[in-house]
Amino acid sequence: MRPGRASSPTPRPAASGTPPPEAPELPTNKAFVLQLSRETGPRLEPFAGRLEHLATGRRLRFESIAAFQEAMTRLLGETRPRRGEDG
């Protein structure tokens, strides 16, 4: 390093499974809208509604917490946009 010049640190590779430091904490490709049915109350019983993945526009309906988790997993794994599908 020459006098009067600051050097920028060299980025280090991220550890396995760790996102690089420049990755956003809340990435937009993991953004969802959760819409609960009118029957779902404060105790989340019944837990039913629709989940929309904002990056792809895909929407899936669910009727239980387990079905919600399955829908979330499925939508996170998909990459092709398909607007208007309610599943």
N, C-alpha and C. Protein backbone atom coordinates (compact mmCIF):
# COMPACT_ATOMS: atom_id res chain seq x y z
N MET A 1 0.84 -1.18 0.00
CA MET A 1 0.00 0.00 0.00
C MET A 1 0.88 1.23 0.00
N ARG A 2 0.54 2.16 -0.88
CA ARG A 2 1.31 3.41 -0.95
C ARG A 2 0.78 4.39 0.09
N PRO A 3 1.65 5.27 0.58
CA PRO A 3 1.20 6.27 1.57
C PRO A 3 0.06 7.10 1.02
N GLY A 4 -0.94 7.41 1.88
CA GLY A 4 -2.05 8.25 1.48
C GLY A 4 -3.17 7.51 0.75
N ARG A 5 -3.02 6.23 0.48
CA ARG A 5 -4.06 5.47 -0.21
C ARG A 5 -4.57 4.36 0.70
N ALA A 6 -5.85 4.28 0.78
CA ALA A 6 -6.45 3.20 1.56
C ALA A 6 -6.70 2.02 0.64
N SER A 7 -6.50 0.86 1.15
CA SER A 7 -6.81 -0.31 0.33
C SER A 7 -8.12 -0.90 0.80
N SER A 8 -8.89 -1.40 -0.15
CA SER A 8 -10.15 -2.03 0.24
C SER A 8 -9.87 -3.50 0.54
N PRO A 9 -10.55 -4.03 1.54
CA PRO A 9 -10.30 -5.42 1.89
C PRO A 9 -10.73 -6.35 0.76
N THR A 10 -10.00 -7.41 0.59
CA THR A 10 -10.33 -8.40 -0.41
C THR A 10 -11.45 -9.27 0.14
N PRO A 11 -12.55 -9.43 -0.63
CA PRO A 11 -13.64 -10.25 -0.13
C PRO A 11 -13.19 -11.70 0.05
N ARG A 12 -13.56 -12.27 1.16
CA ARG A 12 -13.25 -13.67 1.42
C ARG A 12 -14.40 -14.54 0.98
N PRO A 13 -14.11 -15.75 0.50
CA PRO A 13 -15.21 -16.64 0.13
C PRO A 13 -16.05 -16.96 1.36
N ALA A 14 -17.34 -17.08 1.17
CA ALA A 14 -18.24 -17.39 2.27
C ALA A 14 -18.09 -18.85 2.66
N ALA A 15 -18.26 -19.11 3.94
CA ALA A 15 -18.23 -20.50 4.41
C ALA A 15 -19.41 -21.24 3.82
N SER A 16 -19.30 -22.53 3.72
CA SER A 16 -20.36 -23.35 3.14
C SER A 16 -21.69 -23.07 3.84
N GLY A 17 -22.72 -22.75 3.06
CA GLY A 17 -24.04 -22.50 3.60
C GLY A 17 -24.25 -21.10 4.11
N THR A 18 -23.24 -20.27 4.12
CA THR A 18 -23.36 -18.90 4.60
C THR A 18 -23.41 -17.97 3.39
N PRO A 19 -24.42 -17.07 3.33
CA PRO A 19 -24.48 -16.16 2.19
C PRO A 19 -23.31 -15.18 2.22
N PRO A 20 -22.89 -14.71 1.06
CA PRO A 20 -21.81 -13.72 1.03
C PRO A 20 -22.26 -12.46 1.76
N PRO A 21 -21.31 -11.70 2.31
CA PRO A 21 -21.67 -10.52 3.11
C PRO A 21 -22.48 -9.48 2.33
N GLU A 22 -22.35 -9.42 1.01
CA GLU A 22 -23.09 -8.42 0.24
C GLU A 22 -24.52 -8.86 -0.05
N ALA A 23 -24.89 -10.10 0.29
CA ALA A 23 -26.26 -10.59 0.08
C ALA A 23 -27.19 -9.89 1.07
N PRO A 24 -28.40 -9.49 0.61
CA PRO A 24 -29.32 -8.81 1.52
C PRO A 24 -29.82 -9.76 2.61
N GLU A 25 -30.07 -9.21 3.77
CA GLU A 25 -30.58 -10.01 4.88
C GLU A 25 -31.96 -10.58 4.56
N LEU A 26 -32.77 -9.80 3.85
CA LEU A 26 -34.12 -10.21 3.46
C LEU A 26 -34.22 -10.15 1.93
N PRO A 27 -33.78 -11.20 1.23
CA PRO A 27 -33.78 -11.16 -0.23
C PRO A 27 -35.20 -11.14 -0.81
N THR A 28 -35.37 -10.38 -1.87
CA THR A 28 -36.69 -10.23 -2.47
C THR A 28 -37.21 -11.53 -3.08
N ASN A 29 -36.33 -12.44 -3.45
CA ASN A 29 -36.82 -13.70 -4.01
C ASN A 29 -37.37 -14.63 -2.93
N LYS A 30 -37.37 -14.18 -1.69
CA LYS A 30 -37.97 -14.94 -0.60
C LYS A 30 -39.10 -14.15 0.06
N ALA A 31 -39.71 -13.23 -0.70
CA ALA A 31 -40.82 -12.42 -0.20
C ALA A 31 -42.14 -13.08 -0.56
N PHE A 32 -43.05 -13.12 0.41
CA PHE A 32 -44.36 -13.76 0.23
C PHE A 32 -45.46 -12.87 0.75
N VAL A 33 -46.68 -13.10 0.23
CA VAL A 33 -47.89 -12.52 0.80
C VAL A 33 -48.68 -13.69 1.37
N LEU A 34 -49.07 -13.58 2.62
CA LEU A 34 -49.89 -14.58 3.28
C LEU A 34 -51.27 -13.98 3.49
N GLN A 35 -52.29 -14.61 2.92
CA GLN A 35 -53.65 -14.14 3.08
C GLN A 35 -54.44 -15.25 3.77
N LEU A 36 -54.95 -14.97 4.96
CA LEU A 36 -55.70 -15.96 5.72
C LEU A 36 -57.18 -15.87 5.41
N SER A 37 -57.88 -17.00 5.52
CA SER A 37 -59.31 -17.03 5.23
C SER A 37 -60.09 -16.27 6.29
N ARG A 38 -61.32 -15.91 6.00
CA ARG A 38 -62.13 -15.16 6.96
C ARG A 38 -62.45 -16.00 8.20
N GLU A 39 -62.39 -17.32 8.07
CA GLU A 39 -62.66 -18.20 9.21
C GLU A 39 -61.48 -18.31 10.17
N THR A 40 -60.27 -17.96 9.73
CA THR A 40 -59.08 -18.07 10.58
C THR A 40 -59.14 -17.00 11.66
N GLY A 41 -59.13 -17.45 12.91
CA GLY A 41 -59.23 -16.54 14.04
C GLY A 41 -57.88 -16.26 14.69
N PRO A 42 -57.90 -15.55 15.83
CA PRO A 42 -56.66 -15.19 16.52
C PRO A 42 -55.84 -16.40 16.97
N ARG A 43 -56.49 -17.54 17.16
CA ARG A 43 -55.76 -18.75 17.56
C ARG A 43 -55.31 -19.57 16.36
N LEU A 44 -55.48 -18.99 15.16
CA LEU A 44 -55.09 -19.64 13.89
C LEU A 44 -55.80 -20.97 13.68
N GLU A 45 -57.05 -21.03 14.10
CA GLU A 45 -57.87 -22.22 13.88
C GLU A 45 -59.14 -21.80 13.18
N PRO A 46 -59.49 -22.34 12.06
CA PRO A 46 -58.64 -23.17 11.21
C PRO A 46 -57.55 -22.32 10.55
N PHE A 47 -56.45 -22.92 10.21
CA PHE A 47 -55.37 -22.21 9.53
C PHE A 47 -55.50 -22.49 8.04
N ALA A 48 -56.12 -21.57 7.34
CA ALA A 48 -56.38 -21.75 5.92
C ALA A 48 -56.23 -20.42 5.21
N GLY A 49 -55.86 -20.49 3.92
CA GLY A 49 -55.72 -19.27 3.15
C GLY A 49 -54.93 -19.48 1.88
N ARG A 50 -54.20 -18.43 1.51
CA ARG A 50 -53.44 -18.46 0.25
C ARG A 50 -52.07 -17.85 0.49
N LEU A 51 -51.07 -18.40 -0.18
CA LEU A 51 -49.70 -17.93 -0.10
C LEU A 51 -49.26 -17.54 -1.51
N GLU A 52 -48.70 -16.33 -1.66
CA GLU A 52 -48.22 -15.87 -2.96
C GLU A 52 -46.74 -15.55 -2.88
N HIS A 53 -45.98 -16.13 -3.82
CA HIS A 53 -44.54 -15.86 -3.92
C HIS A 53 -44.40 -14.64 -4.83
N LEU A 54 -43.91 -13.53 -4.28
CA LEU A 54 -43.87 -12.27 -5.03
C LEU A 54 -42.92 -12.31 -6.22
N ALA A 55 -41.84 -13.06 -6.14
CA ALA A 55 -40.87 -13.09 -7.23
C ALA A 55 -41.42 -13.79 -8.47
N THR A 56 -42.29 -14.77 -8.29
CA THR A 56 -42.81 -15.52 -9.43
C THR A 56 -44.29 -15.26 -9.71
N GLY A 57 -45.00 -14.74 -8.72
CA GLY A 57 -46.44 -14.52 -8.90
C GLY A 57 -47.26 -15.77 -8.65
N ARG A 58 -46.63 -16.88 -8.33
CA ARG A 58 -47.36 -18.13 -8.09
C ARG A 58 -48.12 -18.06 -6.78
N ARG A 59 -49.33 -18.63 -6.78
CA ARG A 59 -50.17 -18.64 -5.59
C ARG A 59 -50.67 -20.06 -5.35
N LEU A 60 -50.67 -20.45 -4.09
CA LEU A 60 -51.19 -21.75 -3.69
C LEU A 60 -52.09 -21.58 -2.48
N ARG A 61 -53.16 -22.36 -2.44
CA ARG A 61 -54.05 -22.36 -1.29
C ARG A 61 -53.62 -23.47 -0.33
N PHE A 62 -53.97 -23.28 0.97
CA PHE A 62 -53.67 -24.28 1.97
C PHE A 62 -54.82 -24.34 2.96
N GLU A 63 -54.96 -25.50 3.61
CA GLU A 63 -56.05 -25.73 4.56
C GLU A 63 -55.56 -26.12 5.95
N SER A 64 -54.23 -26.14 6.14
CA SER A 64 -53.65 -26.51 7.44
C SER A 64 -52.24 -25.95 7.52
N ILE A 65 -51.66 -25.99 8.72
CA ILE A 65 -50.29 -25.53 8.87
C ILE A 65 -49.34 -26.40 8.06
N ALA A 66 -49.58 -27.71 8.06
CA ALA A 66 -48.73 -28.63 7.28
C ALA A 66 -48.82 -28.31 5.79
N ALA A 67 -50.03 -28.04 5.29
CA ALA A 67 -50.20 -27.70 3.87
C ALA A 67 -49.55 -26.34 3.56
N PHE A 68 -49.59 -25.40 4.53
CA PHE A 68 -48.91 -24.12 4.36
C PHE A 68 -47.41 -24.33 4.20
N GLN A 69 -46.83 -25.17 5.05
CA GLN A 69 -45.39 -25.46 4.96
C GLN A 69 -45.04 -26.12 3.63
N GLU A 70 -45.89 -27.02 3.17
CA GLU A 70 -45.66 -27.66 1.87
C GLU A 70 -45.72 -26.63 0.74
N ALA A 71 -46.70 -25.72 0.81
CA ALA A 71 -46.83 -24.68 -0.21
C ALA A 71 -45.60 -23.77 -0.21
N MET A 72 -45.13 -23.38 0.96
CA MET A 72 -43.95 -22.52 1.07
C MET A 72 -42.74 -23.22 0.45
N THR A 73 -42.54 -24.48 0.78
CA THR A 73 -41.42 -25.25 0.24
C THR A 73 -41.51 -25.35 -1.28
N ARG A 74 -42.70 -25.62 -1.77
CA ARG A 74 -42.91 -25.76 -3.22
C ARG A 74 -42.63 -24.44 -3.94
N LEU A 75 -43.16 -23.35 -3.42
CA LEU A 75 -42.98 -22.05 -4.07
C LEU A 75 -41.53 -21.59 -4.03
N LEU A 76 -40.83 -21.85 -2.94
CA LEU A 76 -39.41 -21.48 -2.87
C LEU A 76 -38.58 -22.25 -3.89
N GLY A 77 -39.02 -23.46 -4.23
CA GLY A 77 -38.27 -24.28 -5.17
C GLY A 77 -38.55 -23.98 -6.63
N GLU A 78 -39.60 -23.23 -6.91
CA GLU A 78 -39.97 -22.94 -8.30
C GLU A 78 -39.29 -21.66 -8.79
N THR A 79 -39.06 -21.61 -10.09
CA THR A 79 -38.38 -20.43 -10.64
C THR A 79 -39.14 -19.76 -11.77
N ARG A 80 -40.03 -20.46 -12.46
CA ARG A 80 -40.74 -19.87 -13.60
C ARG A 80 -41.97 -19.09 -13.15
N PRO A 81 -42.12 -17.85 -13.60
CA PRO A 81 -43.31 -17.07 -13.22
C PRO A 81 -44.57 -17.62 -13.88
N ARG A 82 -45.64 -17.71 -13.10
CA ARG A 82 -46.95 -18.13 -13.62
C ARG A 82 -48.00 -17.32 -12.88
N ARG A 83 -48.47 -16.25 -13.47
CA ARG A 83 -49.46 -15.37 -12.83
C ARG A 83 -50.84 -16.03 -12.86
N GLY A 84 -51.58 -15.85 -11.79
CA GLY A 84 -52.98 -16.22 -11.77
C GLY A 84 -53.30 -17.64 -11.35
N GLU A 85 -52.34 -18.43 -10.90
CA GLU A 85 -52.63 -19.79 -10.51
C GLU A 85 -52.92 -19.83 -9.02
N ASP A 86 -54.04 -20.40 -8.65
CA ASP A 86 -54.45 -20.46 -7.26
C ASP A 86 -54.25 -21.82 -6.62
N GLY A 87 -53.91 -22.82 -7.38
CA GLY A 87 -53.64 -24.14 -6.85
C GLY A 87 -54.76 -24.78 -6.18
